[in-house]
Amino acid sequence: MTIEKLEILLKDIIEEGKYIYKTYEDKDYIYVFTKLKTLKGIDYDDRYAIVGGLGPILVDKQTKEFKRIHFMDVPSELHKKHYVEPTIDSIAKGIIKRKYVNKGDMLSFVEIYYKGEREEYFDYGNVFYDYKFEKEFIKANFKIEELRDKFISFLEVLNVKCKIEHDGWLVITRVPEQS
């Protein structure tokens, strides 16, 4: 079934301001994923994420019946297919492409550098006292100053404004300055 036919079939369930950005088919079903039209052409923007937000639409290929399902109710191979282990280079490219910093950028950066050669189980509690994700800022209170400083250097190369406040919190402006 084409995207155009799906849009006609699902016009009553797709919210205003959203569009079909990808589909996945197996033998019996089509999984239809929607996204805000304002985010067309860019990666996931966690500034607009909704906790417990709407999952994909499941379309039965035989009956053409459809319903919203939970994100975890999609086939496991779909989860694996879209996960790529992040690298420092891929994090930088993602920030440049999206033109903002995702929470995953910070967490992935920290995990890559913290783990390094260590074989131990990774726990963000070993790295942060606390962190907060707001729409326009990320705030992080690092336990490891050396790791914080590496992250600051990384962000500065990408023209992302950040500063350390008097109470030790690193405040990151999520949208990089235009060069």
N, C-alpha and C. Protein backbone atom coordinates (compact mmCIF):
# COMPACT_ATOMS: atom_id res chain seq x y z
N MET A 1 0.86 -1.18 0.00
CA MET A 1 0.00 0.00 0.00
C MET A 1 0.90 1.24 0.00
N THR A 2 0.58 2.20 -0.83
CA THR A 2 1.39 3.41 -0.93
C THR A 2 1.11 4.36 0.24
N ILE A 3 2.03 5.29 0.45
CA ILE A 3 1.86 6.32 1.50
C ILE A 3 0.57 7.10 1.24
N GLU A 4 0.30 7.44 -0.01
CA GLU A 4 -0.90 8.21 -0.36
C GLU A 4 -2.17 7.45 0.03
N LYS A 5 -2.21 6.14 -0.25
CA LYS A 5 -3.38 5.32 0.11
C LYS A 5 -3.50 5.21 1.63
N LEU A 6 -2.36 5.06 2.32
CA LEU A 6 -2.39 5.01 3.79
C LEU A 6 -2.91 6.32 4.37
N GLU A 7 -2.47 7.44 3.81
CA GLU A 7 -2.93 8.75 4.30
C GLU A 7 -4.45 8.88 4.16
N ILE A 8 -5.01 8.38 3.07
CA ILE A 8 -6.47 8.42 2.88
C ILE A 8 -7.15 7.51 3.90
N LEU A 9 -6.64 6.28 4.04
CA LEU A 9 -7.23 5.32 4.98
C LEU A 9 -7.16 5.83 6.41
N LEU A 10 -6.07 6.47 6.78
CA LEU A 10 -5.81 6.85 8.18
C LEU A 10 -6.09 8.32 8.47
N LYS A 11 -6.76 9.02 7.56
CA LYS A 11 -6.95 10.47 7.73
C LYS A 11 -7.65 10.83 9.04
N ASP A 12 -8.50 9.97 9.55
CA ASP A 12 -9.22 10.29 10.79
C ASP A 12 -8.42 10.00 12.05
N ILE A 13 -7.36 9.21 11.93
CA ILE A 13 -6.59 8.87 13.13
C ILE A 13 -5.27 9.65 13.22
N ILE A 14 -4.77 10.13 12.08
CA ILE A 14 -3.54 10.93 12.09
C ILE A 14 -3.89 12.35 12.52
N GLU A 15 -3.22 12.80 13.58
CA GLU A 15 -3.50 14.11 14.15
C GLU A 15 -3.14 15.23 13.19
N GLU A 16 -3.84 16.33 13.32
CA GLU A 16 -3.55 17.51 12.50
C GLU A 16 -2.12 17.96 12.77
N GLY A 17 -1.41 18.32 11.73
CA GLY A 17 -0.03 18.78 11.87
C GLY A 17 0.98 17.65 11.83
N LYS A 18 0.54 16.41 11.57
CA LYS A 18 1.45 15.28 11.49
C LYS A 18 1.38 14.64 10.11
N TYR A 19 2.40 13.88 9.78
CA TYR A 19 2.44 13.18 8.50
C TYR A 19 3.06 11.80 8.70
N ILE A 20 2.90 10.92 7.73
CA ILE A 20 3.51 9.59 7.77
C ILE A 20 4.96 9.75 7.32
N TYR A 21 5.89 9.41 8.22
CA TYR A 21 7.29 9.56 7.83
C TYR A 21 7.99 8.23 7.57
N LYS A 22 7.43 7.13 8.06
CA LYS A 22 7.99 5.84 7.70
C LYS A 22 6.99 4.74 7.99
N THR A 23 7.17 3.64 7.28
CA THR A 23 6.33 2.47 7.47
C THR A 23 7.22 1.23 7.52
N TYR A 24 6.68 0.19 8.11
CA TYR A 24 7.35 -1.10 8.16
C TYR A 24 6.28 -2.15 7.91
N GLU A 25 6.57 -3.08 7.02
CA GLU A 25 5.60 -4.13 6.70
C GLU A 25 6.15 -5.50 7.04
N ASP A 26 5.28 -6.34 7.56
CA ASP A 26 5.59 -7.75 7.65
C ASP A 26 4.49 -8.50 6.88
N LYS A 27 4.37 -9.78 7.09
CA LYS A 27 3.42 -10.57 6.31
C LYS A 27 1.97 -10.12 6.51
N ASP A 28 1.60 -9.76 7.73
CA ASP A 28 0.21 -9.46 8.05
C ASP A 28 -0.12 -7.99 8.29
N TYR A 29 0.87 -7.20 8.67
CA TYR A 29 0.58 -5.83 9.13
C TYR A 29 1.49 -4.79 8.48
N ILE A 30 1.01 -3.56 8.53
CA ILE A 30 1.81 -2.39 8.20
C ILE A 30 1.87 -1.54 9.47
N TYR A 31 3.08 -1.16 9.86
CA TYR A 31 3.28 -0.30 11.02
C TYR A 31 3.54 1.09 10.48
N VAL A 32 2.70 2.05 10.86
CA VAL A 32 2.77 3.40 10.31
C VAL A 32 3.21 4.36 11.41
N PHE A 33 4.32 5.05 11.17
CA PHE A 33 4.87 5.99 12.14
C PHE A 33 4.62 7.41 11.65
N THR A 34 4.15 8.27 12.55
CA THR A 34 3.84 9.65 12.20
C THR A 34 4.79 10.59 12.94
N LYS A 35 4.91 11.80 12.41
CA LYS A 35 5.79 12.80 13.01
C LYS A 35 5.21 14.18 12.71
N LEU A 36 5.57 15.16 13.54
CA LEU A 36 5.15 16.54 13.31
C LEU A 36 5.68 17.05 11.98
N LYS A 37 4.85 17.73 11.22
CA LYS A 37 5.28 18.29 9.93
C LYS A 37 6.41 19.29 10.11
N THR A 38 6.44 19.97 11.26
CA THR A 38 7.51 20.95 11.51
C THR A 38 8.87 20.27 11.66
N LEU A 39 8.89 18.97 11.89
CA LEU A 39 10.15 18.24 12.05
C LEU A 39 10.52 17.45 10.80
N LYS A 40 9.82 17.70 9.69
CA LYS A 40 10.08 16.97 8.45
C LYS A 40 11.52 17.21 8.00
N GLY A 41 12.19 16.13 7.69
CA GLY A 41 13.56 16.22 7.18
C GLY A 41 14.63 16.27 8.24
N ILE A 42 14.28 16.25 9.52
CA ILE A 42 15.29 16.24 10.57
C ILE A 42 15.07 15.04 11.48
N ASP A 43 16.13 14.68 12.20
CA ASP A 43 16.05 13.55 13.11
C ASP A 43 15.14 13.87 14.29
N TYR A 44 14.97 12.90 15.10
CA TYR A 44 14.16 12.99 16.31
C TYR A 44 14.55 14.21 17.14
N ASP A 45 13.57 14.97 17.56
CA ASP A 45 13.79 16.18 18.36
C ASP A 45 13.19 15.95 19.74
N ASP A 46 14.02 15.62 20.72
CA ASP A 46 13.48 15.30 22.04
C ASP A 46 12.91 16.51 22.76
N ARG A 47 13.10 17.71 22.22
CA ARG A 47 12.48 18.89 22.84
C ARG A 47 10.97 18.84 22.70
N TYR A 48 10.47 18.08 21.74
CA TYR A 48 9.04 17.98 21.51
C TYR A 48 8.49 16.60 21.85
N ALA A 49 9.29 15.80 22.55
CA ALA A 49 8.85 14.46 22.92
C ALA A 49 7.75 14.53 23.97
N ILE A 50 6.87 13.56 23.91
CA ILE A 50 5.79 13.47 24.89
C ILE A 50 5.95 12.14 25.59
N VAL A 51 6.09 12.16 26.90
CA VAL A 51 6.22 10.92 27.65
C VAL A 51 4.94 10.11 27.44
N GLY A 52 5.13 8.86 27.03
CA GLY A 52 3.96 8.02 26.78
C GLY A 52 3.19 8.47 25.56
N GLY A 53 3.85 9.15 24.65
CA GLY A 53 3.20 9.66 23.44
C GLY A 53 2.62 8.55 22.59
N LEU A 54 1.96 8.96 21.53
CA LEU A 54 1.29 8.00 20.67
C LEU A 54 2.29 7.10 19.96
N GLY A 55 1.97 5.82 19.94
CA GLY A 55 2.79 4.86 19.22
C GLY A 55 2.37 4.80 17.76
N PRO A 56 2.89 3.83 17.03
CA PRO A 56 2.55 3.71 15.61
C PRO A 56 1.11 3.23 15.42
N ILE A 57 0.66 3.34 14.19
CA ILE A 57 -0.66 2.83 13.82
C ILE A 57 -0.43 1.46 13.18
N LEU A 58 -1.18 0.47 13.64
CA LEU A 58 -1.10 -0.88 13.10
C LEU A 58 -2.24 -1.07 12.11
N VAL A 59 -1.91 -1.41 10.87
CA VAL A 59 -2.92 -1.64 9.84
C VAL A 59 -2.89 -3.11 9.47
N ASP A 60 -4.04 -3.77 9.61
CA ASP A 60 -4.18 -5.17 9.20
C ASP A 60 -4.29 -5.19 7.67
N LYS A 61 -3.40 -5.87 7.00
CA LYS A 61 -3.38 -5.86 5.53
C LYS A 61 -4.61 -6.54 4.93
N GLN A 62 -5.15 -7.53 5.62
CA GLN A 62 -6.32 -8.24 5.10
C GLN A 62 -7.60 -7.43 5.26
N THR A 63 -7.87 -6.97 6.48
CA THR A 63 -9.15 -6.33 6.78
C THR A 63 -9.12 -4.82 6.60
N LYS A 64 -7.93 -4.24 6.51
CA LYS A 64 -7.74 -2.78 6.44
C LYS A 64 -8.17 -2.09 7.74
N GLU A 65 -8.37 -2.85 8.80
CA GLU A 65 -8.67 -2.27 10.11
C GLU A 65 -7.37 -1.72 10.69
N PHE A 66 -7.48 -0.69 11.52
CA PHE A 66 -6.29 -0.07 12.07
C PHE A 66 -6.55 0.40 13.48
N LYS A 67 -5.45 0.52 14.24
CA LYS A 67 -5.52 1.02 15.62
C LYS A 67 -4.14 1.47 16.05
N ARG A 68 -4.10 2.35 17.04
CA ARG A 68 -2.84 2.79 17.63
C ARG A 68 -2.35 1.67 18.55
N ILE A 69 -1.05 1.46 18.52
CA ILE A 69 -0.47 0.48 19.43
C ILE A 69 0.68 1.14 20.18
N HIS A 70 1.15 0.47 21.21
CA HIS A 70 2.29 0.96 22.00
C HIS A 70 3.58 0.74 21.21
N PHE A 71 4.57 1.61 21.43
CA PHE A 71 5.85 1.47 20.74
C PHE A 71 6.50 0.11 20.96
N MET A 72 6.27 -0.48 22.11
CA MET A 72 6.89 -1.77 22.40
C MET A 72 6.16 -2.93 21.74
N ASP A 73 5.03 -2.67 21.10
CA ASP A 73 4.28 -3.73 20.44
C ASP A 73 4.65 -3.91 18.97
N VAL A 74 5.77 -3.36 18.56
CA VAL A 74 6.25 -3.57 17.20
C VAL A 74 7.23 -4.76 17.22
N PRO A 75 7.43 -5.41 16.10
CA PRO A 75 8.34 -6.56 16.08
C PRO A 75 9.74 -6.20 16.55
N SER A 76 10.38 -7.13 17.26
CA SER A 76 11.70 -6.86 17.83
C SER A 76 12.74 -6.53 16.77
N GLU A 77 12.63 -7.11 15.58
CA GLU A 77 13.62 -6.80 14.54
C GLU A 77 13.55 -5.34 14.12
N LEU A 78 12.41 -4.69 14.30
CA LEU A 78 12.28 -3.28 13.98
C LEU A 78 13.08 -2.42 14.96
N HIS A 79 13.07 -2.83 16.23
CA HIS A 79 13.88 -2.11 17.24
C HIS A 79 15.36 -2.25 16.91
N LYS A 80 15.79 -3.46 16.60
CA LYS A 80 17.21 -3.72 16.32
C LYS A 80 17.65 -3.03 15.03
N LYS A 81 16.79 -3.00 14.04
CA LYS A 81 17.11 -2.47 12.73
C LYS A 81 17.48 -0.99 12.78
N HIS A 82 16.90 -0.24 13.69
CA HIS A 82 17.09 1.20 13.73
C HIS A 82 18.10 1.65 14.78
N TYR A 83 18.71 0.70 15.51
CA TYR A 83 19.69 1.11 16.52
C TYR A 83 21.10 0.97 15.97
N VAL A 84 21.85 2.04 16.03
CA VAL A 84 23.26 2.04 15.63
C VAL A 84 24.05 2.56 16.82
N GLU A 85 25.10 1.84 17.17
CA GLU A 85 25.95 2.25 18.28
C GLU A 85 26.55 3.63 17.98
N PRO A 86 26.33 4.62 18.85
CA PRO A 86 26.84 5.96 18.57
C PRO A 86 28.36 6.05 18.69
N THR A 87 28.93 6.97 17.94
CA THR A 87 30.35 7.30 18.03
C THR A 87 30.44 8.81 18.27
N ILE A 88 31.61 9.29 18.65
CA ILE A 88 31.79 10.73 18.85
C ILE A 88 31.50 11.46 17.54
N ASP A 89 31.97 10.91 16.43
CA ASP A 89 31.74 11.51 15.12
C ASP A 89 30.26 11.54 14.77
N SER A 90 29.54 10.45 15.04
CA SER A 90 28.10 10.42 14.70
C SER A 90 27.31 11.37 15.59
N ILE A 91 27.74 11.56 16.83
CA ILE A 91 27.08 12.51 17.72
C ILE A 91 27.26 13.93 17.17
N ALA A 92 28.49 14.26 16.78
CA ALA A 92 28.77 15.59 16.22
C ALA A 92 27.96 15.82 14.94
N LYS A 93 27.96 14.84 14.05
CA LYS A 93 27.21 14.97 12.80
C LYS A 93 25.72 15.14 13.07
N GLY A 94 25.20 14.44 14.05
CA GLY A 94 23.78 14.55 14.40
C GLY A 94 23.43 15.96 14.90
N ILE A 95 24.29 16.52 15.74
CA ILE A 95 24.05 17.87 16.26
C ILE A 95 24.07 18.88 15.11
N ILE A 96 25.05 18.74 14.23
CA ILE A 96 25.16 19.66 13.09
C ILE A 96 23.94 19.53 12.18
N LYS A 97 23.53 18.31 11.89
CA LYS A 97 22.38 18.08 11.00
C LYS A 97 21.08 18.61 11.60
N ARG A 98 20.85 18.29 12.88
CA ARG A 98 19.60 18.69 13.53
C ARG A 98 19.58 20.16 13.90
N LYS A 99 20.77 20.73 14.14
CA LYS A 99 20.92 22.10 14.61
C LYS A 99 20.46 22.27 16.07
N TYR A 100 20.57 21.23 16.86
CA TYR A 100 20.32 21.30 18.30
C TYR A 100 20.90 20.07 18.97
N VAL A 101 21.03 20.13 20.29
CA VAL A 101 21.61 19.04 21.08
C VAL A 101 20.48 18.23 21.71
N ASN A 102 20.49 16.94 21.47
CA ASN A 102 19.54 16.02 22.09
C ASN A 102 20.08 15.54 23.43
N LYS A 103 19.21 15.08 24.30
CA LYS A 103 19.69 14.52 25.56
C LYS A 103 20.56 13.30 25.30
N GLY A 104 20.22 12.53 24.25
CA GLY A 104 21.00 11.35 23.91
C GLY A 104 22.42 11.70 23.50
N ASP A 105 22.62 12.89 22.94
CA ASP A 105 23.97 13.32 22.57
C ASP A 105 24.86 13.38 23.80
N MET A 106 24.37 14.01 24.85
CA MET A 106 25.16 14.12 26.07
C MET A 106 25.37 12.75 26.71
N LEU A 107 24.31 11.99 26.83
CA LEU A 107 24.42 10.70 27.50
C LEU A 107 25.32 9.74 26.72
N SER A 108 25.21 9.74 25.40
CA SER A 108 26.07 8.86 24.59
C SER A 108 27.53 9.29 24.68
N PHE A 109 27.79 10.59 24.61
CA PHE A 109 29.15 11.11 24.72
C PHE A 109 29.77 10.66 26.04
N VAL A 110 29.04 10.85 27.11
CA VAL A 110 29.53 10.50 28.44
C VAL A 110 29.79 9.00 28.54
N GLU A 111 28.87 8.21 28.02
CA GLU A 111 29.03 6.76 28.09
C GLU A 111 30.27 6.30 27.31
N ILE A 112 30.48 6.86 26.13
CA ILE A 112 31.65 6.49 25.32
C ILE A 112 32.94 6.81 26.07
N TYR A 113 33.06 8.02 26.60
CA TYR A 113 34.29 8.40 27.28
C TYR A 113 34.44 7.75 28.64
N TYR A 114 33.36 7.55 29.36
CA TYR A 114 33.47 6.97 30.70
C TYR A 114 33.86 5.50 30.61
N LYS A 115 33.21 4.80 29.71
CA LYS A 115 33.50 3.37 29.58
C LYS A 115 34.94 3.16 29.15
N GLY A 116 35.34 3.87 28.10
CA GLY A 116 36.71 3.74 27.61
C GLY A 116 37.17 2.31 27.61
N GLU A 117 38.16 2.03 28.40
CA GLU A 117 38.73 0.67 28.49
C GLU A 117 38.11 -0.13 29.64
N ARG A 118 37.23 0.51 30.42
CA ARG A 118 36.64 -0.19 31.57
C ARG A 118 35.70 -1.28 31.12
N GLU A 119 35.68 -2.36 31.84
CA GLU A 119 34.78 -3.48 31.54
C GLU A 119 33.55 -3.47 32.45
N GLU A 120 33.56 -2.57 33.42
CA GLU A 120 32.48 -2.56 34.41
C GLU A 120 31.15 -2.11 33.81
N TYR A 121 30.09 -2.44 34.50
CA TYR A 121 28.74 -2.04 34.11
C TYR A 121 28.64 -0.52 34.18
N PHE A 122 28.08 0.08 33.13
CA PHE A 122 27.97 1.53 33.09
C PHE A 122 26.73 2.00 33.84
N ASP A 123 26.89 3.04 34.66
CA ASP A 123 25.78 3.62 35.42
C ASP A 123 25.98 5.14 35.42
N TYR A 124 24.96 5.88 34.94
CA TYR A 124 25.07 7.34 34.91
C TYR A 124 25.29 7.92 36.30
N GLY A 125 24.90 7.20 37.33
CA GLY A 125 25.12 7.65 38.70
C GLY A 125 26.59 7.76 39.05
N ASN A 126 27.46 7.07 38.30
CA ASN A 126 28.91 7.19 38.51
C ASN A 126 29.46 8.47 37.91
N VAL A 127 28.71 9.10 37.00
CA VAL A 127 29.18 10.26 36.26
C VAL A 127 28.51 11.56 36.70
N PHE A 128 27.22 11.48 37.02
CA PHE A 128 26.44 12.69 37.34
C PHE A 128 25.92 12.66 38.76
N TYR A 129 25.89 13.86 39.36
CA TYR A 129 25.10 14.02 40.57
C TYR A 129 23.63 14.10 40.16
N ASP A 130 23.40 14.83 39.06
CA ASP A 130 22.04 15.00 38.54
C ASP A 130 22.12 15.64 37.16
N TYR A 131 21.06 15.52 36.38
CA TYR A 131 20.93 16.23 35.10
C TYR A 131 19.47 16.48 34.83
N LYS A 132 19.22 17.54 34.05
CA LYS A 132 17.84 17.95 33.75
C LYS A 132 17.76 18.33 32.28
N PHE A 133 16.68 17.93 31.63
CA PHE A 133 16.47 18.26 30.23
C PHE A 133 15.27 19.18 30.12
N GLU A 134 15.54 20.39 29.69
CA GLU A 134 14.49 21.37 29.48
C GLU A 134 14.40 21.63 27.99
N LYS A 135 13.37 22.34 27.56
CA LYS A 135 13.17 22.55 26.14
C LYS A 135 14.34 23.28 25.49
N GLU A 136 14.87 24.29 26.11
CA GLU A 136 15.93 25.09 25.49
C GLU A 136 17.31 24.89 26.13
N PHE A 137 17.38 24.17 27.26
CA PHE A 137 18.65 23.97 27.95
C PHE A 137 18.76 22.54 28.46
N ILE A 138 20.00 22.08 28.54
CA ILE A 138 20.32 20.85 29.26
C ILE A 138 21.21 21.29 30.41
N LYS A 139 20.93 20.77 31.59
CA LYS A 139 21.73 21.09 32.76
C LYS A 139 22.28 19.79 33.34
N ALA A 140 23.57 19.80 33.65
CA ALA A 140 24.21 18.60 34.17
C ALA A 140 25.19 18.96 35.27
N ASN A 141 25.13 18.21 36.34
CA ASN A 141 26.04 18.38 37.46
C ASN A 141 26.93 17.12 37.49
N PHE A 142 28.15 17.27 36.96
CA PHE A 142 29.07 16.14 36.79
C PHE A 142 29.81 15.82 38.08
N LYS A 143 30.03 14.55 38.34
CA LYS A 143 30.91 14.12 39.42
C LYS A 143 32.36 14.13 38.95
N ILE A 144 32.55 13.94 37.64
CA ILE A 144 33.90 13.83 37.07
C ILE A 144 34.18 15.08 36.23
N GLU A 145 34.95 16.00 36.79
CA GLU A 145 35.21 17.28 36.11
C GLU A 145 35.95 17.09 34.79
N GLU A 146 36.86 16.13 34.72
CA GLU A 146 37.62 15.88 33.49
C GLU A 146 36.66 15.50 32.35
N LEU A 147 35.68 14.69 32.64
CA LEU A 147 34.69 14.30 31.65
C LEU A 147 33.83 15.49 31.24
N ARG A 148 33.45 16.30 32.21
CA ARG A 148 32.69 17.53 31.92
C ARG A 148 33.48 18.44 30.99
N ASP A 149 34.76 18.60 31.28
CA ASP A 149 35.60 19.48 30.47
C ASP A 149 35.76 18.96 29.04
N LYS A 150 35.87 17.64 28.87
CA LYS A 150 35.94 17.05 27.52
C LYS A 150 34.64 17.34 26.77
N PHE A 151 33.53 17.24 27.46
CA PHE A 151 32.23 17.49 26.83
C PHE A 151 32.11 18.97 26.43
N ILE A 152 32.57 19.86 27.29
CA ILE A 152 32.55 21.29 26.98
C ILE A 152 33.40 21.56 25.73
N SER A 153 34.58 20.99 25.66
CA SER A 153 35.45 21.18 24.49
C SER A 153 34.78 20.68 23.22
N PHE A 154 34.14 19.54 23.31
CA PHE A 154 33.41 18.95 22.18
C PHE A 154 32.31 19.90 21.72
N LEU A 155 31.54 20.44 22.66
CA LEU A 155 30.43 21.34 22.31
C LEU A 155 30.93 22.65 21.71
N GLU A 156 32.03 23.17 22.24
CA GLU A 156 32.57 24.43 21.74
C GLU A 156 32.98 24.32 20.27
N VAL A 157 33.53 23.18 19.87
CA VAL A 157 33.90 22.96 18.47
C VAL A 157 32.67 23.05 17.58
N LEU A 158 31.52 22.66 18.10
CA LEU A 158 30.26 22.66 17.34
C LEU A 158 29.48 23.96 17.51
N ASN A 159 30.08 24.97 18.14
CA ASN A 159 29.44 26.27 18.40
C ASN A 159 28.22 26.17 19.31
N VAL A 160 28.25 25.23 20.22
CA VAL A 160 27.17 25.10 21.20
C VAL A 160 27.59 25.86 22.45
N LYS A 161 26.78 26.85 22.83
CA LYS A 161 27.08 27.66 24.02
C LYS A 161 26.84 26.83 25.28
N CYS A 162 27.79 26.92 26.19
CA CYS A 162 27.61 26.28 27.49
C CYS A 162 28.45 27.04 28.51
N LYS A 163 28.03 26.93 29.75
CA LYS A 163 28.77 27.60 30.82
C LYS A 163 28.58 26.82 32.11
N ILE A 164 29.56 26.99 32.99
CA ILE A 164 29.47 26.37 34.30
C ILE A 164 28.96 27.43 35.26
N GLU A 165 27.84 27.16 35.90
CA GLU A 165 27.29 28.11 36.87
C GLU A 165 28.05 28.02 38.19
N HIS A 166 27.83 29.00 39.03
CA HIS A 166 28.56 29.08 40.31
C HIS A 166 28.32 27.87 41.20
N ASP A 167 27.18 27.20 41.04
CA ASP A 167 26.88 26.03 41.86
C ASP A 167 27.40 24.72 41.24
N GLY A 168 28.16 24.83 40.15
CA GLY A 168 28.79 23.66 39.54
C GLY A 168 28.02 23.02 38.39
N TRP A 169 26.81 23.48 38.14
CA TRP A 169 26.01 22.92 37.05
C TRP A 169 26.52 23.41 35.70
N LEU A 170 26.64 22.50 34.75
CA LEU A 170 26.93 22.87 33.37
C LEU A 170 25.61 23.13 32.68
N VAL A 171 25.46 24.31 32.08
CA VAL A 171 24.24 24.68 31.38
C VAL A 171 24.56 24.75 29.89
N ILE A 172 23.86 23.93 29.11
CA ILE A 172 24.09 23.82 27.67
C ILE A 172 22.91 24.42 26.94
N THR A 173 23.18 25.38 26.07
CA THR A 173 22.13 25.93 25.22
C THR A 173 21.91 24.92 24.10
N ARG A 174 20.70 24.42 23.97
CA ARG A 174 20.45 23.30 23.07
C ARG A 174 20.61 23.64 21.59
N VAL A 175 20.40 24.89 21.21
CA VAL A 175 20.52 25.28 19.80
C VAL A 175 21.87 25.95 19.60
N PRO A 176 22.76 25.36 18.76
CA PRO A 176 24.09 25.95 18.54
C PRO A 176 23.98 27.32 17.88
N GLU A 177 24.99 28.16 18.13
CA GLU A 177 25.05 29.48 17.49
C GLU A 177 25.31 29.28 16.01
N GLN A 178 24.75 30.12 15.20
CA GLN A 178 24.99 30.05 13.75
C GLN A 178 26.36 30.63 13.46
N SER A 179 27.14 29.91 12.68
CA SER A 179 28.50 30.38 12.39
C SER A 179 28.53 31.25 11.16
